[in-house]
Amino acid sequence: QVLCEFAKWCCAEQIDILTVYAFSTENWNRSTHEIDTLMTLFVTYCEELRVEALKKNIRLCVLSTETDRIPPHVMEGLQRMEQETQHCHGGLTMNICLSYGSRGEIVNACRSVAQDVVEGHYDASQIQEH
């Protein structure tokens, strides 16, 4: 509910992009019971958020560095949410980070750059801070 209300405020204030962190990769270390409870909540709220997003022209995007850990029934809801709001443009874009970790993002970025260097797209000396 709070997320939906905050999204409405962002729309009213003409904020283009909102990123929320829903479940970090470190949360996989919680007890199985806690994880199952949280995943059940995600399924429920994904549906509510999808409905509200369609009403308010909000595009929903899920960002994850470890999608393989997300249970299939949760992934189905997330994919539906993304697919059905992908046409929503001109309003708010809400990025939802789920099973997301900054370490994983850094590792994925390094792998991508290394692959580009191996494939000859870049020379390692071209990689800079900016």
C-alpha atoms as a PDB file:
ATOM      1  CA  GLN A   1       0.000   0.000   0.000  1.00  0.00           C
ATOM      2  CA  VAL A   2       2.758   2.427   0.927  1.00  0.00           C
ATOM      3  CA  LEU A   3       4.524   1.712  -2.358  1.00  0.00           C
ATOM      4  CA  CYS A   4       1.364   2.420  -4.360  1.00  0.00           C
ATOM      5  CA  GLU A   5       0.801   5.664  -2.460  1.00  0.00           C
ATOM      6  CA  PHE A   6       4.423   6.701  -2.955  1.00  0.00           C
ATOM      7  CA  ALA A   7       4.146   5.917  -6.682  1.00  0.00           C
ATOM      8  CA  LYS A   8       1.072   8.173  -6.894  1.00  0.00           C
ATOM      9  CA  TRP A   9       3.059  10.957  -5.213  1.00  0.00           C
ATOM     10  CA  CYS A  10       5.927  10.464  -7.687  1.00  0.00           C
ATOM     11  CA  CYS A  11       3.469  10.735 -10.577  1.00  0.00           C
ATOM     12  CA  ALA A  12       1.967  13.916  -9.134  1.00  0.00           C
ATOM     13  CA  GLU A  13       5.454  15.404  -8.738  1.00  0.00           C
ATOM     14  CA  GLN A  14       6.383  14.324 -12.300  1.00  0.00           C
ATOM     15  CA  ILE A  15       9.230  12.106 -11.174  1.00  0.00           C
ATOM     16  CA  ASP A  16      10.271   9.930 -14.118  1.00  0.00           C
ATOM     17  CA  ILE A  17      12.074   7.019 -12.432  1.00  0.00           C
ATOM     18  CA  LEU A  18      11.692   5.378  -9.036  1.00  0.00           C
ATOM     19  CA  THR A  19      13.863   2.470  -7.902  1.00  0.00           C
ATOM     20  CA  VAL A  20      12.873   0.398  -4.891  1.00  0.00           C
ATOM     21  CA  TYR A  21      14.874  -2.357  -3.267  1.00  0.00           C
ATOM     22  CA  ALA A  22      12.456  -5.143  -2.371  1.00  0.00           C
ATOM     23  CA  PHE A  23      14.714  -8.116  -1.607  1.00  0.00           C
ATOM     24  CA  SER A  24      18.504  -8.161  -1.658  1.00  0.00           C
ATOM     25  CA  THR A  25      20.567 -11.250  -2.399  1.00  0.00           C
ATOM     26  CA  GLU A  26      21.621 -11.243   1.258  1.00  0.00           C
ATOM     27  CA  ASN A  27      17.982 -11.961   2.179  1.00  0.00           C
ATOM     28  CA  TRP A  28      18.392 -15.490   0.799  1.00  0.00           C
ATOM     29  CA  ASN A  29      20.279 -16.176   4.050  1.00  0.00           C
ATOM     30  CA  ARG A  30      17.040 -15.823   6.060  1.00  0.00           C
ATOM     31  CA  SER A  31      15.144 -18.874   7.295  1.00  0.00           C
ATOM     32  CA  THR A  32      13.148 -20.860   4.753  1.00  0.00           C
ATOM     33  CA  HIS A  33       9.932 -19.854   6.523  1.00  0.00           C
ATOM     34  CA  GLU A  34      10.765 -16.137   6.250  1.00  0.00           C
ATOM     35  CA  ILE A  35      11.709 -16.463   2.574  1.00  0.00           C
ATOM     36  CA  ASP A  36       8.519 -18.381   1.782  1.00  0.00           C
ATOM     37  CA  THR A  37       6.439 -15.752   3.577  1.00  0.00           C
ATOM     38  CA  LEU A  38       8.155 -12.919   1.705  1.00  0.00           C
ATOM     39  CA  MET A  39       7.729 -14.669  -1.645  1.00  0.00           C
ATOM     40  CA  THR A  40       4.003 -15.126  -0.934  1.00  0.00           C
ATOM     41  CA  LEU A  41       3.769 -11.402  -0.186  1.00  0.00           C
ATOM     42  CA  PHE A  42       5.551 -10.578  -3.453  1.00  0.00           C
ATOM     43  CA  VAL A  43       3.046 -12.630  -5.454  1.00  0.00           C
ATOM     44  CA  THR A  44       0.116 -10.862  -3.775  1.00  0.00           C
ATOM     45  CA  TYR A  45       1.538  -7.365  -4.071  1.00  0.00           C
ATOM     46  CA  CYS A  46       2.820  -7.876  -7.619  1.00  0.00           C
ATOM     47  CA  GLU A  47      -0.766  -8.391  -8.701  1.00  0.00           C
ATOM     48  CA  GLU A  48      -2.006  -5.325  -6.816  1.00  0.00           C
ATOM     49  CA  LEU A  49       0.876  -3.232  -8.121  1.00  0.00           C
ATOM     50  CA  ARG A  50       0.251  -4.429 -11.705  1.00  0.00           C
ATOM     51  CA  VAL A  51      -3.395  -3.374 -11.536  1.00  0.00           C
ATOM     52  CA  GLU A  52      -2.519   0.034 -10.055  1.00  0.00           C
ATOM     53  CA  ALA A  53       0.304   0.548 -12.578  1.00  0.00           C
ATOM     54  CA  LEU A  54      -2.031  -0.058 -15.502  1.00  0.00           C
ATOM     55  CA  LYS A  55      -4.486   2.499 -14.107  1.00  0.00           C
ATOM     56  CA  LYS A  56      -1.744   5.126 -13.608  1.00  0.00           C
ATOM     57  CA  ASN A  57       0.373   4.456 -16.745  1.00  0.00           C
ATOM     58  CA  ILE A  58       3.338   3.245 -14.666  1.00  0.00           C
ATOM     59  CA  ARG A  59       5.907   1.020 -16.338  1.00  0.00           C
ATOM     60  CA  LEU A  60       7.216  -1.694 -14.010  1.00  0.00           C
ATOM     61  CA  CYS A  61      10.675  -3.198 -14.474  1.00  0.00           C
ATOM     62  CA  VAL A  62      12.247  -5.909 -12.337  1.00  0.00           C
ATOM     63  CA  LEU A  63      16.008  -5.794 -11.829  1.00  0.00           C
ATOM     64  CA  SER A  64      17.750  -8.887 -10.504  1.00  0.00           C
ATOM     65  CA  THR A  65      21.301 -10.152 -10.328  1.00  0.00           C
ATOM     66  CA  GLU A  66      20.238 -13.678  -9.314  1.00  0.00           C
ATOM     67  CA  THR A  67      17.031 -14.559 -11.153  1.00  0.00           C
ATOM     68  CA  ASP A  68      17.724 -18.285 -10.830  1.00  0.00           C
ATOM     69  CA  ARG A  69      16.916 -18.128  -7.114  1.00  0.00           C
ATOM     70  CA  ILE A  70      13.448 -16.620  -7.568  1.00  0.00           C
ATOM     71  CA  PRO A  71      10.758 -19.334  -7.299  1.00  0.00           C
ATOM     72  CA  PRO A  72       8.883 -20.015 -10.567  1.00  0.00           C
ATOM     73  CA  HIS A  73       5.475 -18.900  -9.217  1.00  0.00           C
ATOM     74  CA  VAL A  74       6.990 -15.569  -8.152  1.00  0.00           C
ATOM     75  CA  MET A  75       8.819 -15.175 -11.472  1.00  0.00           C
ATOM     76  CA  GLU A  76       5.536 -15.690 -13.330  1.00  0.00           C
ATOM     77  CA  GLY A  77       3.948 -12.789 -11.447  1.00  0.00           C
ATOM     78  CA  LEU A  78       6.974 -10.576 -12.016  1.00  0.00           C
ATOM     79  CA  GLN A  79       7.055 -11.347 -15.726  1.00  0.00           C
ATOM     80  CA  ARG A  80       3.332 -10.687 -16.070  1.00  0.00           C
ATOM     81  CA  MET A  81       3.765  -7.374 -14.262  1.00  0.00           C
ATOM     82  CA  GLU A  82       6.573  -6.334 -16.618  1.00  0.00           C
ATOM     83  CA  GLN A  83       4.940  -7.575 -19.807  1.00  0.00           C
ATOM     84  CA  GLU A  84       1.584  -5.972 -19.163  1.00  0.00           C
ATOM     85  CA  THR A  85       3.066  -2.578 -18.281  1.00  0.00           C
ATOM     86  CA  GLN A  86       5.799  -2.443 -20.936  1.00  0.00           C
ATOM     87  CA  HIS A  87       3.579  -0.242 -23.130  1.00  0.00           C
ATOM     88  CA  CYS A  88       3.245   2.375 -20.356  1.00  0.00           C
ATOM     89  CA  HIS A  89       5.415   5.276 -21.471  1.00  0.00           C
ATOM     90  CA  GLY A  90       5.447   8.946 -20.597  1.00  0.00           C
ATOM     91  CA  GLY A  91       4.708   8.380 -16.950  1.00  0.00           C
ATOM     92  CA  LEU A  92       6.645   6.897 -14.086  1.00  0.00           C
ATOM     93  CA  THR A  93       9.023   3.966 -14.563  1.00  0.00           C
ATOM     94  CA  MET A  94       9.332   1.940 -11.376  1.00  0.00           C
ATOM     95  CA  ASN A  95      12.359  -0.330 -11.081  1.00  0.00           C
ATOM     96  CA  ILE A  96      11.889  -3.072  -8.507  1.00  0.00           C
ATOM     97  CA  CYS A  97      15.130  -4.679  -7.353  1.00  0.00           C
ATOM     98  CA  LEU A  98      14.415  -8.247  -6.309  1.00  0.00           C
ATOM     99  CA  SER A  99      17.113 -10.820  -5.611  1.00  0.00           C
ATOM    100  CA  TYR A 100      19.472  -7.987  -6.348  1.00  0.00           C
ATOM    101  CA  GLY A 101      22.921  -7.292  -4.979  1.00  0.00           C
ATOM    102  CA  SER A 102      25.501  -4.669  -5.810  1.00  0.00           C
ATOM    103  CA  ARG A 103      28.296  -7.241  -5.640  1.00  0.00           C
ATOM    104  CA  GLY A 104      26.504  -9.331  -8.232  1.00  0.00           C
ATOM    105  CA  GLU A 105      26.034  -6.300 -10.433  1.00  0.00           C
ATOM    106  CA  ILE A 106      29.749  -5.484 -10.238  1.00  0.00           C
ATOM    107  CA  VAL A 107      30.661  -9.098 -11.076  1.00  0.00           C
ATOM    108  CA  ASN A 108      28.243  -9.131 -14.023  1.00  0.00           C
ATOM    109  CA  ALA A 109      29.620  -5.816 -15.302  1.00  0.00           C
ATOM    110  CA  CYS A 110      33.214  -7.073 -15.034  1.00  0.00           C
ATOM    111  CA  ARG A 111      32.311 -10.265 -16.902  1.00  0.00           C
ATOM    112  CA  SER A 112      30.629  -8.237 -19.633  1.00  0.00           C
ATOM    113  CA  VAL A 113      33.624  -5.908 -20.056  1.00  0.00           C
ATOM    114  CA  ALA A 114      36.044  -8.851 -20.003  1.00  0.00           C
ATOM    115  CA  GLN A 115      33.991 -10.599 -22.687  1.00  0.00           C
ATOM    116  CA  ASP A 116      34.007  -7.437 -24.829  1.00  0.00           C
ATOM    117  CA  VAL A 117      37.798  -7.239 -24.518  1.00  0.00           C
ATOM    118  CA  VAL A 118      38.200 -10.934 -25.412  1.00  0.00           C
ATOM    119  CA  GLU A 119      35.942 -10.464 -28.452  1.00  0.00           C
ATOM    120  CA  GLY A 120      38.011  -7.471 -29.556  1.00  0.00           C
ATOM    121  CA  HIS A 121      35.324  -4.820 -29.105  1.00  0.00           C
ATOM    122  CA  TYR A 122      37.583  -2.874 -26.746  1.00  0.00           C
ATOM    123  CA  ASP A 123      41.219  -2.709 -25.829  1.00  0.00           C
ATOM    124  CA  ALA A 124      41.815  -3.031 -22.086  1.00  0.00           C
ATOM    125  CA  SER A 125      43.624   0.326 -22.136  1.00  0.00           C
ATOM    126  CA  GLN A 126      40.340   1.997 -23.214  1.00  0.00           C
ATOM    127  CA  ILE A 127      38.643   1.124 -19.928  1.00  0.00           C
ATOM    128  CA  GLN A 128      38.586   4.175 -17.714  1.00  0.00           C
ATOM    129  CA  GLU A 129      36.869   5.459 -14.610  1.00  0.00           C
ATOM    130  CA  HIS A 130      34.559   7.830 -16.525  1.00  0.00           C
END
